[in-house]
C-alpha atoms as a PDB file:
ATOM      1  CA  MET A   1     -83.161-114.266  72.680  1.00  0.00           C
ATOM      2  CA  PRO A   2     -80.797-116.154  70.585  1.00  0.00           C
ATOM      3  CA  LEU A   3     -78.124-118.280  71.744  1.00  0.00           C
ATOM      4  CA  SER A   4     -74.252-116.958  71.273  1.00  0.00           C
ATOM      5  CA  ARG A   5     -72.357-119.198  69.519  1.00  0.00           C
ATOM      6  CA  ARG A   6     -70.401-120.184  72.648  1.00  0.00           C
ATOM      7  CA  ASP A   7     -73.780-120.501  74.358  1.00  0.00           C
ATOM      8  CA  ALA A   8     -74.927-122.784  72.090  1.00  0.00           C
ATOM      9  CA  LYS A   9     -71.019-124.806  71.363  1.00  0.00           C
ATOM     10  CA  ARG A  10     -71.690-124.451  75.583  1.00  0.00           C
ATOM     11  CA  ARG A  11     -75.583-126.069  75.259  1.00  0.00           C
ATOM     12  CA  ILE A  12     -74.274-129.145  72.761  1.00  0.00           C
ATOM     13  CA  ALA A  13     -71.350-130.197  75.032  1.00  0.00           C
ATOM     14  CA  ASN A  14     -73.821-130.634  78.457  1.00  0.00           C
ATOM     15  CA  ALA A  15     -76.410-132.409  76.327  1.00  0.00           C
ATOM     16  CA  ARG A  16     -73.801-135.135  74.941  1.00  0.00           C
ATOM     17  CA  SER A  17     -71.576-134.868  78.825  1.00  0.00           C
ATOM     18  CA  ALA A  18     -75.019-135.903  80.083  1.00  0.00           C
ATOM     19  CA  GLU A  19     -75.971-138.711  78.032  1.00  0.00           C
ATOM     20  CA  ASP A  20     -72.451-140.286  78.533  1.00  0.00           C
ATOM     21  CA  THR A  21     -72.236-140.202  82.083  1.00  0.00           C
ATOM     22  CA  PHE A  22     -76.101-141.307  82.169  1.00  0.00           C
ATOM     23  CA  SER A  23     -75.290-144.524  79.912  1.00  0.00           C
ATOM     24  CA  LEU A  24     -72.153-145.691  82.151  1.00  0.00           C
ATOM     25  CA  GLY A  25     -74.626-144.644  85.228  1.00  0.00           C
ATOM     26  CA  LEU A  26     -77.331-147.116  83.397  1.00  0.00           C
ATOM     27  CA  ARG A  27     -74.363-149.843  82.338  1.00  0.00           C
ATOM     28  CA  LEU A  28     -73.976-149.288  86.489  1.00  0.00           C
ATOM     29  CA  TYR A  29     -76.769-150.095  87.563  1.00  0.00           C
ATOM     30  CA  THR A  30     -78.137-153.295  85.274  1.00  0.00           C
ATOM     31  CA  GLY A  31     -75.032-154.713  85.352  1.00  0.00           C
ATOM     32  CA  GLU A  32     -74.472-154.532  81.436  1.00  0.00           C
ATOM     33  CA  MET A  33     -71.010-154.628  80.719  1.00  0.00           C
ATOM     34  CA  VAL A  34     -69.704-153.793  83.946  1.00  0.00           C
ATOM     35  CA  PRO A  35     -69.981-155.511  87.442  1.00  0.00           C
ATOM     36  CA  LYS A  36     -73.393-153.687  89.377  1.00  0.00           C
ATOM     37  CA  ASP A  37     -72.745-151.365  91.781  1.00  0.00           C
ATOM     38  CA  PHE A  38     -75.486-149.209  92.325  1.00  0.00           C
ATOM     39  CA  VAL A  39     -73.513-146.529  95.050  1.00  0.00           C
ATOM     40  CA  GLU A  40     -71.534-145.849  91.823  1.00  0.00           C
ATOM     41  CA  ALA A  41     -74.356-145.816  89.136  1.00  0.00           C
ATOM     42  CA  THR A  42     -76.433-143.454  91.538  1.00  0.00           C
ATOM     43  CA  GLN A  43     -73.253-140.892  91.572  1.00  0.00           C
ATOM     44  CA  HIS A  44     -73.873-140.989  87.604  1.00  0.00           C
ATOM     45  CA  PHE A  45     -77.369-140.382  87.619  1.00  0.00           C
ATOM     46  CA  ARG A  46     -77.093-137.091  89.777  1.00  0.00           C
ATOM     47  CA  ALA A  47     -73.757-136.154  87.719  1.00  0.00           C
ATOM     48  CA  ALA A  48     -76.316-135.769  84.159  1.00  0.00           C
ATOM     49  CA  ALA A  49     -79.749-134.865  86.412  1.00  0.00           C
ATOM     50  CA  ASP A  50     -77.537-131.699  87.607  1.00  0.00           C
ATOM     51  CA  LEU A  51     -76.945-131.096  83.894  1.00  0.00           C
ATOM     52  CA  GLY A  52     -81.101-131.038  82.950  1.00  0.00           C
ATOM     53  CA  HIS A  53     -80.805-134.916  81.657  1.00  0.00           C
ATOM     54  CA  ALA A  54     -84.520-135.977  81.608  1.00  0.00           C
ATOM     55  CA  LEU A  55     -84.151-139.817  82.215  1.00  0.00           C
ATOM     56  CA  ALA A  56     -80.725-139.172  84.497  1.00  0.00           C
ATOM     57  CA  GLN A  57     -83.953-137.506  86.688  1.00  0.00           C
ATOM     58  CA  SER A  58     -86.496-140.648  86.854  1.00  0.00           C
ATOM     59  CA  MET A  59     -83.962-143.052  87.588  1.00  0.00           C
ATOM     60  CA  LEU A  60     -82.414-140.268  90.934  1.00  0.00           C
ATOM     61  CA  GLY A  61     -85.882-140.145  91.288  1.00  0.00           C
ATOM     62  CA  ARG A  62     -86.508-144.044  91.554  1.00  0.00           C
ATOM     63  CA  SER A  63     -82.912-144.845  93.566  1.00  0.00           C
ATOM     64  CA  TYR A  64     -84.860-142.557  96.145  1.00  0.00           C
ATOM     65  CA  SER A  65     -88.052-144.074  95.934  1.00  0.00           C
ATOM     66  CA  ARG A  66     -86.069-147.183  96.204  1.00  0.00           C
ATOM     67  CA  GLY A  67     -83.437-146.649  98.621  1.00  0.00           C
ATOM     68  CA  GLU A  68     -81.323-148.487  95.747  1.00  0.00           C
ATOM     69  CA  GLY A  69     -77.165-146.240  95.934  1.00  0.00           C
ATOM     70  CA  ASN A  70     -78.685-143.961  98.975  1.00  0.00           C
ATOM     71  CA  ASP A  71     -80.791-144.118 101.400  1.00  0.00           C
ATOM     72  CA  ARG A  72     -84.474-144.424 101.048  1.00  0.00           C
ATOM     73  CA  ASP A  73     -85.817-140.168 101.007  1.00  0.00           C
ATOM     74  CA  ASP A  74     -89.563-139.620  99.615  1.00  0.00           C
ATOM     75  CA  GLU A  75     -89.021-135.932  99.471  1.00  0.00           C
ATOM     76  CA  LYS A  76     -85.910-136.310  97.234  1.00  0.00           C
ATOM     77  CA  ALA A  77     -87.747-138.989  95.083  1.00  0.00           C
ATOM     78  CA  ALA A  78     -90.505-136.227  94.529  1.00  0.00           C
ATOM     79  CA  HIS A  79     -88.576-133.770  93.777  1.00  0.00           C
ATOM     80  CA  TRP A  80     -86.459-135.230  90.989  1.00  0.00           C
ATOM     81  CA  PHE A  81     -89.228-136.822  89.084  1.00  0.00           C
ATOM     82  CA  ARG A  82     -91.301-133.543  89.023  1.00  0.00           C
ATOM     83  CA  LEU A  83     -88.425-132.008  87.433  1.00  0.00           C
ATOM     84  CA  SER A  84     -88.575-135.285  84.784  1.00  0.00           C
ATOM     85  CA  ALA A  85     -92.095-135.016  84.785  1.00  0.00           C
ATOM     86  CA  ASP A  86     -92.091-130.924  83.989  1.00  0.00           C
ATOM     87  CA  GLN A  87     -89.180-132.126  80.750  1.00  0.00           C
ATOM     88  CA  GLY A  88     -92.496-134.671  79.766  1.00  0.00           C
ATOM     89  CA  PHE A  89     -90.182-138.262  80.075  1.00  0.00           C
ATOM     90  CA  ALA A  90     -93.522-140.004  80.454  1.00  0.00           C
ATOM     91  CA  VAL A  91     -92.582-142.638  83.307  1.00  0.00           C
ATOM     92  CA  ALA A  92     -91.318-140.321  85.850  1.00  0.00           C
ATOM     93  CA  GLN A  93     -94.599-138.667  84.963  1.00  0.00           C
ATOM     94  CA  TYR A  94     -97.133-141.847  86.594  1.00  0.00           C
ATOM     95  CA  ASP A  95     -94.268-142.181  89.135  1.00  0.00           C
ATOM     96  CA  LEU A  96     -94.578-138.189  90.557  1.00  0.00           C
ATOM     97  CA  GLY A  97     -98.971-138.774  89.770  1.00  0.00           C
ATOM     98  CA  GLU A  98     -98.207-141.709  92.253  1.00  0.00           C
ATOM     99  CA  ARG A  99     -96.882-139.717  94.797  1.00  0.00           C
ATOM    100  CA  LEU A 100     -99.257-137.307  95.112  1.00  0.00           C
ATOM    101  CA  PHE A 101    -101.973-139.458  94.950  1.00  0.00           C
ATOM    102  CA  ALA A 102    -101.155-141.529  98.092  1.00  0.00           C
ATOM    103  CA  GLY A 103     -98.839-138.084  99.957  1.00  0.00           C
ATOM    104  CA  LEU A 104     -95.618-139.628  99.712  1.00  0.00           C
ATOM    105  CA  GLY A 105     -92.879-137.249  99.989  1.00  0.00           C
ATOM    106  CA  VAL A 106     -95.691-134.771  98.601  1.00  0.00           C
ATOM    107  CA  ALA A 107     -99.193-133.109 100.433  1.00  0.00           C
ATOM    108  CA  VAL A 108    -102.120-135.383  98.691  1.00  0.00           C
ATOM    109  CA  ASN A 109    -103.626-134.304  95.913  1.00  0.00           C
ATOM    110  CA  HIS A 110    -105.524-135.574  93.674  1.00  0.00           C
ATOM    111  CA  VAL A 111    -106.439-133.506  90.969  1.00  0.00           C
ATOM    112  CA  GLU A 112    -102.847-132.889  90.391  1.00  0.00           C
ATOM    113  CA  ALA A 113    -101.948-136.704  90.542  1.00  0.00           C
ATOM    114  CA  VAL A 114    -105.513-136.964  87.815  1.00  0.00           C
ATOM    115  CA  ARG A 115    -103.551-134.510  85.483  1.00  0.00           C
ATOM    116  CA  TYR A 116    -100.178-136.157  85.843  1.00  0.00           C
ATOM    117  CA  TYR A 117    -102.058-139.306  85.277  1.00  0.00           C
ATOM    118  CA  ARG A 118    -103.556-137.952  82.346  1.00  0.00           C
ATOM    119  CA  LEU A 119    -100.168-136.706  80.765  1.00  0.00           C
ATOM    120  CA  ALA A 120     -98.385-140.171  80.359  1.00  0.00           C
ATOM    121  CA  ALA A 121    -101.695-142.374  79.423  1.00  0.00           C
ATOM    122  CA  ASP A 122    -101.432-139.526  76.767  1.00  0.00           C
ATOM    123  CA  GLN A 123     -98.541-141.195  75.571  1.00  0.00           C
ATOM    124  CA  GLY A 124     -99.106-144.760  76.439  1.00  0.00           C
ATOM    125  CA  VAL A 125     -98.365-145.357  80.280  1.00  0.00           C
ATOM    126  CA  PHE A 126    -100.847-148.125  80.671  1.00  0.00           C
ATOM    127  CA  GLN A 127    -100.453-148.371  84.638  1.00  0.00           C
ATOM    128  CA  ALA A 128    -101.421-144.316  83.793  1.00  0.00           C
ATOM    129  CA  MET A 129    -104.537-145.307  81.683  1.00  0.00           C
ATOM    130  CA  HIS A 130    -105.192-148.001  84.787  1.00  0.00           C
ATOM    131  CA  ASN A 131    -105.251-145.496  87.648  1.00  0.00           C
ATOM    132  CA  LEU A 132    -107.262-143.210  85.959  1.00  0.00           C
ATOM    133  CA  GLY A 133    -109.860-145.260  85.346  1.00  0.00           C
ATOM    134  CA  THR A 134    -109.786-146.256  89.303  1.00  0.00           C
ATOM    135  CA  CYS A 135    -109.888-142.405  89.672  1.00  0.00           C
ATOM    136  CA  TYR A 136    -112.534-142.243  87.935  1.00  0.00           C
ATOM    137  CA  SER A 137    -114.915-145.020  89.119  1.00  0.00           C
ATOM    138  CA  LEU A 138    -114.245-143.577  92.163  1.00  0.00           C
ATOM    139  CA  GLY A 139    -114.899-140.290  92.085  1.00  0.00           C
ATOM    140  CA  GLN A 140    -111.032-139.052  93.344  1.00  0.00           C
ATOM    141  CA  GLY A 141    -109.796-135.891  92.084  1.00  0.00           C
ATOM    142  CA  VAL A 142    -111.897-135.752  89.238  1.00  0.00           C
ATOM    143  CA  GLN A 143    -115.985-136.126  88.836  1.00  0.00           C
ATOM    144  CA  GLN A 144    -117.147-140.121  88.875  1.00  0.00           C
ATOM    145  CA  ASP A 145    -117.801-141.105  85.762  1.00  0.00           C
ATOM    146  CA  TYR A 146    -118.043-144.970  85.149  1.00  0.00           C
ATOM    147  CA  TYR A 147    -118.135-145.186  81.841  1.00  0.00           C
ATOM    148  CA  GLU A 148    -114.668-142.825  81.613  1.00  0.00           C
ATOM    149  CA  GLY A 149    -113.013-145.536  84.469  1.00  0.00           C
ATOM    150  CA  ALA A 150    -114.412-148.284  81.946  1.00  0.00           C
ATOM    151  CA  ARG A 151    -113.498-147.152  78.652  1.00  0.00           C
ATOM    152  CA  TYR A 152    -109.762-146.132  81.080  1.00  0.00           C
ATOM    153  CA  TYR A 153    -109.617-150.361  82.166  1.00  0.00           C
ATOM    154  CA  CYS A 154    -110.015-150.918  78.768  1.00  0.00           C
ATOM    155  CA  LEU A 155    -107.414-148.599  77.266  1.00  0.00           C
ATOM    156  CA  ALA A 156    -105.507-150.048  79.864  1.00  0.00           C
ATOM    157  CA  ALA A 157    -106.731-153.891  79.101  1.00  0.00           C
ATOM    158  CA  ASN A 158    -106.018-154.169  75.359  1.00  0.00           C
ATOM    159  CA  MET A 159    -102.351-152.947  76.338  1.00  0.00           C
ATOM    160  CA  GLY A 160    -102.200-156.023  78.066  1.00  0.00           C
ATOM    161  CA  CYS A 161    -102.719-154.255  81.376  1.00  0.00           C
ATOM    162  CA  ALA A 162    -103.574-157.129  84.172  1.00  0.00           C
ATOM    163  CA  ARG A 163    -105.041-155.837  86.666  1.00  0.00           C
ATOM    164  CA  ALA A 164    -106.926-153.593  84.407  1.00  0.00           C
ATOM    165  CA  GLN A 165    -107.846-156.487  82.878  1.00  0.00           C
ATOM    166  CA  CYS A 166    -109.559-157.611  85.774  1.00  0.00           C
ATOM    167  CA  VAL A 167    -111.003-154.815  86.645  1.00  0.00           C
ATOM    168  CA  LEU A 168    -112.667-155.004  83.530  1.00  0.00           C
ATOM    169  CA  GLY A 169    -114.202-158.269  84.146  1.00  0.00           C
ATOM    170  CA  HIS A 170    -116.195-157.970  87.299  1.00  0.00           C
ATOM    171  CA  ARG A 171    -117.713-154.741  85.489  1.00  0.00           C
ATOM    172  CA  TYR A 172    -119.025-156.261  83.009  1.00  0.00           C
ATOM    173  CA  LEU A 173    -120.004-158.852  85.621  1.00  0.00           C
ATOM    174  CA  SER A 174    -122.012-156.522  87.344  1.00  0.00           C
ATOM    175  CA  GLY A 175    -122.798-153.923  83.879  1.00  0.00           C
ATOM    176  CA  GLN A 176    -121.022-150.833  85.154  1.00  0.00           C
ATOM    177  CA  GLY A 177    -120.348-148.531  82.922  1.00  0.00           C
ATOM    178  CA  VAL A 178    -120.252-151.483  80.020  1.00  0.00           C
ATOM    179  CA  LEU A 179    -123.382-153.367  78.728  1.00  0.00           C
ATOM    180  CA  LEU A 180    -123.388-156.684  81.287  1.00  0.00           C
ATOM    181  CA  ASP A 181    -122.217-159.411  79.439  1.00  0.00           C
ATOM    182  CA  VAL A 182    -121.015-162.930  81.559  1.00  0.00           C
ATOM    183  CA  GLY A 183    -119.000-164.142  78.419  1.00  0.00           C
ATOM    184  CA  GLU A 184    -117.263-161.334  78.046  1.00  0.00           C
ATOM    185  CA  ALA A 185    -116.474-161.207  81.906  1.00  0.00           C
ATOM    186  CA  ALA A 186    -114.778-164.325  81.589  1.00  0.00           C
ATOM    187  CA  ARG A 187    -112.941-163.019  78.544  1.00  0.00           C
ATOM    188  CA  TRP A 188    -110.944-160.285  80.609  1.00  0.00           C
ATOM    189  CA  TRP A 189    -110.432-162.617  83.677  1.00  0.00           C
ATOM    190  CA  ARG A 190    -108.770-165.485  81.125  1.00  0.00           C
ATOM    191  CA  LEU A 191    -106.510-162.945  79.831  1.00  0.00           C
ATOM    192  CA  SER A 192    -105.354-161.410  83.336  1.00  0.00           C
ATOM    193  CA  ALA A 193    -105.431-165.007  84.695  1.00  0.00           C
ATOM    194  CA  ASP A 194    -102.852-165.846  81.967  1.00  0.00           C
ATOM    195  CA  GLN A 195    -100.574-163.246  83.453  1.00  0.00           C
ATOM    196  CA  GLY A 196    -100.386-164.920  87.199  1.00  0.00           C
ATOM    197  CA  ASN A 197    -103.308-162.537  88.301  1.00  0.00           C
ATOM    198  CA  ALA A 198    -104.564-163.800  91.561  1.00  0.00           C
ATOM    199  CA  GLY A 199    -107.762-162.087  91.404  1.00  0.00           C
ATOM    200  CA  ALA A 200    -108.465-162.436  88.342  1.00  0.00           C
ATOM    201  CA  GLN A 201    -107.706-166.106  88.451  1.00  0.00           C
ATOM    202  CA  LEU A 202    -110.313-166.196  92.212  1.00  0.00           C
ATOM    203  CA  SER A 203    -113.261-164.796  89.770  1.00  0.00           C
ATOM    204  CA  LEU A 204    -112.742-167.012  86.986  1.00  0.00           C
ATOM    205  CA  GLY A 205    -111.866-169.988  89.321  1.00  0.00           C
ATOM    206  CA  ALA A 206    -115.271-169.235  91.078  1.00  0.00           C
ATOM    207  CA  LEU A 207    -117.529-168.634  87.668  1.00  0.00           C
ATOM    208  CA  LEU A 208    -116.615-172.070  86.435  1.00  0.00           C
ATOM    209  CA  VAL A 209    -117.665-173.660  89.357  1.00  0.00           C
ATOM    210  CA  GLY A 210    -120.807-171.955  89.421  1.00  0.00           C
ATOM    211  CA  ASP A 211    -120.270-169.573  92.324  1.00  0.00           C
ATOM    212  CA  PHE A 212    -121.597-166.889  89.805  1.00  0.00           C
ATOM    213  CA  THR A 213    -124.596-166.719  87.523  1.00  0.00           C
ATOM    214  CA  GLY A 214    -122.935-167.523  84.535  1.00  0.00           C
ATOM    215  CA  ASP A 215    -124.604-168.121  80.541  1.00  0.00           C
ATOM    216  CA  ALA A 216    -124.585-170.583  78.179  1.00  0.00           C
ATOM    217  CA  ARG A 217    -121.238-169.236  76.533  1.00  0.00           C
ATOM    218  CA  VAL A 218    -119.237-169.795  79.659  1.00  0.00           C
ATOM    219  CA  PRO A 219    -120.382-173.611  80.609  1.00  0.00           C
ATOM    220  CA  THR A 220    -119.925-174.639  84.129  1.00  0.00           C
ATOM    221  CA  ASP A 221    -115.960-176.655  84.340  1.00  0.00           C
ATOM    222  CA  LEU A 222    -115.411-177.869  87.885  1.00  0.00           C
ATOM    223  CA  ARG A 223    -111.918-179.430  87.429  1.00  0.00           C
ATOM    224  CA  ALA A 224    -110.898-176.246  85.350  1.00  0.00           C
ATOM    225  CA  GLY A 225    -111.999-173.586  87.702  1.00  0.00           C
ATOM    226  CA  ALA A 226    -110.418-175.909  90.725  1.00  0.00           C
ATOM    227  CA  LYS A 227    -107.375-175.689  89.152  1.00  0.00           C
ATOM    228  CA  LEU A 228    -107.537-171.654  88.663  1.00  0.00           C
ATOM    229  CA  LEU A 229    -109.132-171.769  92.252  1.00  0.00           C
ATOM    230  CA  ALA A 230    -105.842-173.420  93.789  1.00  0.00           C
ATOM    231  CA  SER A 231    -103.215-170.993  91.658  1.00  0.00           C
ATOM    232  CA  ALA A 232    -104.303-167.854  93.453  1.00  0.00           C
ATOM    233  CA  ALA A 233    -104.832-169.829  97.075  1.00  0.00           C
ATOM    234  CA  GLN A 234    -101.154-170.592  96.058  1.00  0.00           C
ATOM    235  CA  CYS A 235     -99.965-167.044  95.320  1.00  0.00           C
ATOM    236  CA  VAL A 236     -97.698-165.281  97.765  1.00  0.00           C
ATOM    237  CA  GLU A 237     -97.534-161.956  96.731  1.00  0.00           C
ATOM    238  CA  PRO A 238     -98.958-159.462  99.845  1.00  0.00           C
ATOM    239  CA  GLN A 239    -101.049-157.403  97.616  1.00  0.00           C
ATOM    240  CA  TYR A 240    -103.522-161.435  96.601  1.00  0.00           C
ATOM    241  CA  ALA A 241    -103.814-162.054 100.530  1.00  0.00           C
ATOM    242  CA  ALA A 242    -107.102-161.952 101.032  1.00  0.00           C
ATOM    243  CA  ALA A 243    -107.520-163.287  96.689  1.00  0.00           C
ATOM    244  CA  ARG A 244    -105.570-166.159  97.969  1.00  0.00           C
ATOM    245  CA  LEU A 245    -108.061-166.843 101.236  1.00  0.00           C
ATOM    246  CA  GLN A 246    -111.808-166.050  99.569  1.00  0.00           C
ATOM    247  CA  ALA A 247    -109.420-168.687  96.700  1.00  0.00           C
ATOM    248  CA  LEU A 248    -109.570-171.206 100.073  1.00  0.00           C
ATOM    249  CA  GLU A 249    -112.802-170.021 101.283  1.00  0.00           C
ATOM    250  CA  ALA A 250    -114.028-171.504  97.948  1.00  0.00           C
ATOM    251  CA  LEU A 251    -112.375-174.612  97.718  1.00  0.00           C
ATOM    252  CA  LEU A 252    -114.023-175.409 100.660  1.00  0.00           C
ATOM    253  CA  ARG A 253    -117.501-174.594 100.020  1.00  0.00           C
ATOM    254  CA  HIS A 254    -117.212-177.477  96.849  1.00  0.00           C
ATOM    255  CA  ALA A 255    -114.874-179.915  98.934  1.00  0.00           C
ATOM    256  CA  ASP A 256    -118.258-181.974  98.028  1.00  0.00           C
ATOM    257  CA  LYS A 257    -117.507-182.064  94.768  1.00  0.00           C
ATOM    258  CA  ARG A 258    -115.415-185.024  93.134  1.00  0.00           C
ATOM    259  CA  GLU A 259    -114.079-183.360  90.899  1.00  0.00           C
ATOM    260  CA  VAL A 260    -112.925-180.188  93.260  1.00  0.00           C
ATOM    261  CA  VAL A 261    -111.170-182.426  95.292  1.00  0.00           C
ATOM    262  CA  GLY A 262    -109.635-184.315  92.918  1.00  0.00           C
ATOM    263  CA  ALA A 263    -107.753-181.492  91.035  1.00  0.00           C
ATOM    264  CA  CYS A 264    -106.032-180.062  94.203  1.00  0.00           C
ATOM    265  CA  CYS A 265    -105.458-179.653  97.480  1.00  0.00           C
ATOM    266  CA  ILE A 266    -108.266-178.202  99.396  1.00  0.00           C
ATOM    267  CA  GLY A 267    -106.379-177.489 101.897  1.00  0.00           C
ATOM    268  CA  CYS A 268    -103.735-175.234 100.816  1.00  0.00           C
ATOM    269  CA  GLY A 269    -104.613-174.922  97.338  1.00  0.00           C
ATOM    270  CA  ALA A 270    -101.395-177.352  96.249  1.00  0.00           C
ATOM    271  CA  THR A 271    -101.427-179.254  92.476  1.00  0.00           C
ATOM    272  CA  HIS A 272     -98.336-181.405  92.605  1.00  0.00           C
ATOM    273  CA  GLY A 273     -96.896-184.041  94.817  1.00  0.00           C
ATOM    274  CA  LEU A 274    -100.939-185.412  95.716  1.00  0.00           C
ATOM    275  CA  LYS A 275    -101.119-188.247  98.083  1.00  0.00           C
ATOM    276  CA  ARG A 276    -104.785-190.149  97.532  1.00  0.00           C
ATOM    277  CA  CYS A 277    -107.720-190.550 100.400  1.00  0.00           C
ATOM    278  CA  VAL A 278    -107.108-194.397 101.033  1.00  0.00           C
ATOM    279  CA  LYS A 279    -110.494-194.423 102.237  1.00  0.00           C
ATOM    280  CA  CYS A 280    -112.245-192.884  99.166  1.00  0.00           C
ATOM    281  CA  ASN A 281    -109.737-192.352  96.472  1.00  0.00           C
ATOM    282  CA  LYS A 282    -110.783-189.744  95.705  1.00  0.00           C
ATOM    283  CA  ALA A 283    -109.841-186.574  97.147  1.00  0.00           C
ATOM    284  CA  ARG A 284    -106.235-185.639  97.328  1.00  0.00           C
ATOM    285  CA  PHE A 285    -104.023-183.752  99.386  1.00  0.00           C
ATOM    286  CA  CYS A 286    -100.324-182.119 100.035  1.00  0.00           C
ATOM    287  CA  GLY A 287     -99.588-184.362 102.826  1.00  0.00           C
ATOM    288  CA  MET A 288    -100.863-185.389 106.700  1.00  0.00           C
ATOM    289  CA  VAL A 289    -101.105-181.865 108.471  1.00  0.00           C
ATOM    290  CA  CYS A 290    -104.188-181.354 105.114  1.00  0.00           C
ATOM    291  CA  MET A 291    -105.359-184.352 105.373  1.00  0.00           C
ATOM    292  CA  ARG A 292    -106.202-183.964 109.415  1.00  0.00           C
ATOM    293  CA  GLN A 293    -107.099-180.478 108.941  1.00  0.00           C
ATOM    294  CA  MET A 294    -109.478-180.931 106.326  1.00  0.00           C
ATOM    295  CA  TRP A 295    -110.683-184.263 107.623  1.00  0.00           C
ATOM    296  CA  PRO A 296    -113.661-182.817 109.449  1.00  0.00           C
ATOM    297  CA  THR A 297    -115.135-181.596 106.482  1.00  0.00           C
ATOM    298  CA  HIS A 298    -114.504-184.377 104.277  1.00  0.00           C
ATOM    299  CA  LYS A 299    -116.056-187.219 106.526  1.00  0.00           C
ATOM    300  CA  ARG A 300    -118.958-187.028 105.272  1.00  0.00           C
ATOM    301  CA  CYS A 301    -118.246-186.981 101.509  1.00  0.00           C
ATOM    302  CA  CYS A 302    -115.416-190.026 102.386  1.00  0.00           C
ATOM    303  CA  LYS A 303    -117.561-192.828 103.517  1.00  0.00           C
ATOM    304  CA  GLU A 304    -119.942-192.129 100.766  1.00  0.00           C
ATOM    305  CA  TRP A 305    -117.764-192.075  97.984  1.00  0.00           C
ATOM    306  CA  ALA A 306    -115.951-195.047  99.941  1.00  0.00           C
ATOM    307  CA  ALA A 307    -118.940-197.084  99.538  1.00  0.00           C
ATOM    308  CA  GLN A 308    -120.070-196.200  96.853  1.00  0.00           C
ATOM    309  CA  ARG A 309    -116.621-197.343  95.370  1.00  0.00           C
ATOM    310  CA  ASP A 310    -116.975-201.144  97.176  1.00  0.00           C
ATOM    311  CA  SER A 311    -120.334-200.910  95.700  1.00  0.00           C
ATOM    312  CA  GLU A 312    -118.414-200.504  91.976  1.00  0.00           C
ATOM    313  CA  GLU A 313    -115.628-202.800  93.047  1.00  0.00           C
ATOM    314  CA  GLU A 314    -117.658-205.637  94.058  1.00  0.00           C
ATOM    315  CA  PRO A 315    -119.554-207.803  91.150  1.00  0.00           C
ATOM    316  CA  THR A 316    -123.278-208.910  92.215  1.00  0.00           C
ATOM    317  CA  THR A 317    -124.193-212.927  91.972  1.00  0.00           C
ATOM    318  CA  LYS A 318    -125.971-212.571  89.184  1.00  0.00           C
ATOM    319  CA  ASP A 319    -122.755-210.849  87.367  1.00  0.00           C
ATOM    320  CA  SER A 320    -120.756-213.379  88.330  1.00  0.00           C
ATOM    321  CA  GLU A 321    -123.165-216.495  87.027  1.00  0.00           C
ATOM    322  CA  ASP A 322    -123.766-214.337  83.906  1.00  0.00           C
ATOM    323  CA  ALA A 323    -119.786-213.877  83.303  1.00  0.00           C
ATOM    324  CA  VAL A 324    -119.062-217.932  83.646  1.00  0.00           C
ATOM    325  CA  ASP A 325    -122.446-219.045  81.231  1.00  0.00           C
ATOM    326  CA  VAL A 326    -120.469-216.472  78.784  1.00  0.00           C
ATOM    327  CA  ALA A 327    -117.255-218.037  79.268  1.00  0.00           C
ATOM    328  CA  THR A 328    -118.979-221.296  79.059  1.00  0.00           C
ATOM    329  CA  LEU A 329    -120.480-220.436  75.432  1.00  0.00           C
ATOM    330  CA  LEU A 330    -117.243-219.367  74.256  1.00  0.00           C
ATOM    331  CA  ILE A 331    -115.155-222.424  75.129  1.00  0.00           C
ATOM    332  CA  LYS A 332    -117.772-224.937  73.845  1.00  0.00           C
ATOM    333  CA  GLU A 333    -117.689-222.688  70.534  1.00  0.00           C
ATOM    334  CA  LEU A 334    -114.093-222.811  69.702  1.00  0.00           C
ATOM    335  CA  LYS A 335    -114.126-226.477  70.149  1.00  0.00           C
ATOM    336  CA  ARG A 336    -116.888-226.419  67.833  1.00  0.00           C
ATOM    337  CA  TRP A 337    -114.804-224.859  65.750  1.00  0.00           C
ATOM    338  CA  LEU A 338    -111.822-227.110  65.876  1.00  0.00           C
ATOM    339  CA  ASP A 339    -114.210-230.135  65.758  1.00  0.00           C
ATOM    340  CA  LEU A 340    -114.546-229.084  62.149  1.00  0.00           C
ATOM    341  CA  LEU A 341    -111.284-228.074  61.546  1.00  0.00           C
ATOM    342  CA  GLU A 342    -109.628-231.750  62.094  1.00  0.00           C
ATOM    343  CA  ILE A 343    -107.703-230.223  65.121  1.00  0.00           C
ATOM    344  CA  SER A 344    -107.479-231.919  68.270  1.00  0.00           C
ATOM    345  CA  TYR A 345    -107.489-229.638  71.074  1.00  0.00           C
ATOM    346  CA  ALA A 346    -106.550-231.895  73.618  1.00  0.00           C
ATOM    347  CA  GLY A 347    -103.684-230.242  73.870  1.00  0.00           C
ATOM    348  CA  VAL A 348    -104.821-226.456  73.291  1.00  0.00           C
ATOM    349  CA  LEU A 349    -107.712-226.323  77.116  1.00  0.00           C
END
């Protein structure tokens, strides 16, 4: 049924009012040109959301999910995300999929979560592509399909998703859903590690120090691998706690290699402000705490390296005699040339 002229004008006025209200709320939320105020921003989001503004509904859902501007309420967050998602807003579709998958404010429904993930992925949300890859790999909400999972991981990875790049590296290492290719695994791990992903730093570091079977395209590089492991060991983000512990374990496994102990503190992974071991002058530690803690591990190598250093620094008797002979010959040759030039060398030598 066509709208009357009056109804059409009212809808246009409401749309303009909703957009203006949302814009002001967004400025208050971000602090753009006005002081940041989550409470007042949420009030504007609610006013615009009540008028059917999809972005405002999504932002109101985010406010409830984070407890910004009002008390945290997962049920209300899911409600506003659904209203926005059903209008086709991609970010809200992804957020609603997350809540359906985890059961935050709604009953767990993996099938419905996959549906919303797919809607968001079709609009270019790479986080949704990554989650679809996980769903297909684990068979949650869909029939398990490693190849389809790898396809979605690849789509997300090509859009710059660090998590997908890390997972795709593991797929190439194991040949799960793709052809086994260690060089390609290293390439994806490096892209992810450059974005600060501790899991990728751990995996690429372990590959470079020789923990994985490599190929000619990925030569062993103990120093570079140790630095990557150190970066993973220094990560403090909660989701990378397991990667941090594994990186420290990997550093300990290679504590007998000079390149590793010289690149970072094997006790904590620190790379700045390090002090060398006074005995071997090879290993480096961040301080006395790590030095004492790592001494039982470092002790055997320390004695061996110290002995090698002493043997290198102290010349043998034969070497000393050879050095004297060479110096004497040089002096004699210099005197001969000075004689030829009729220059007195008494004041020279």
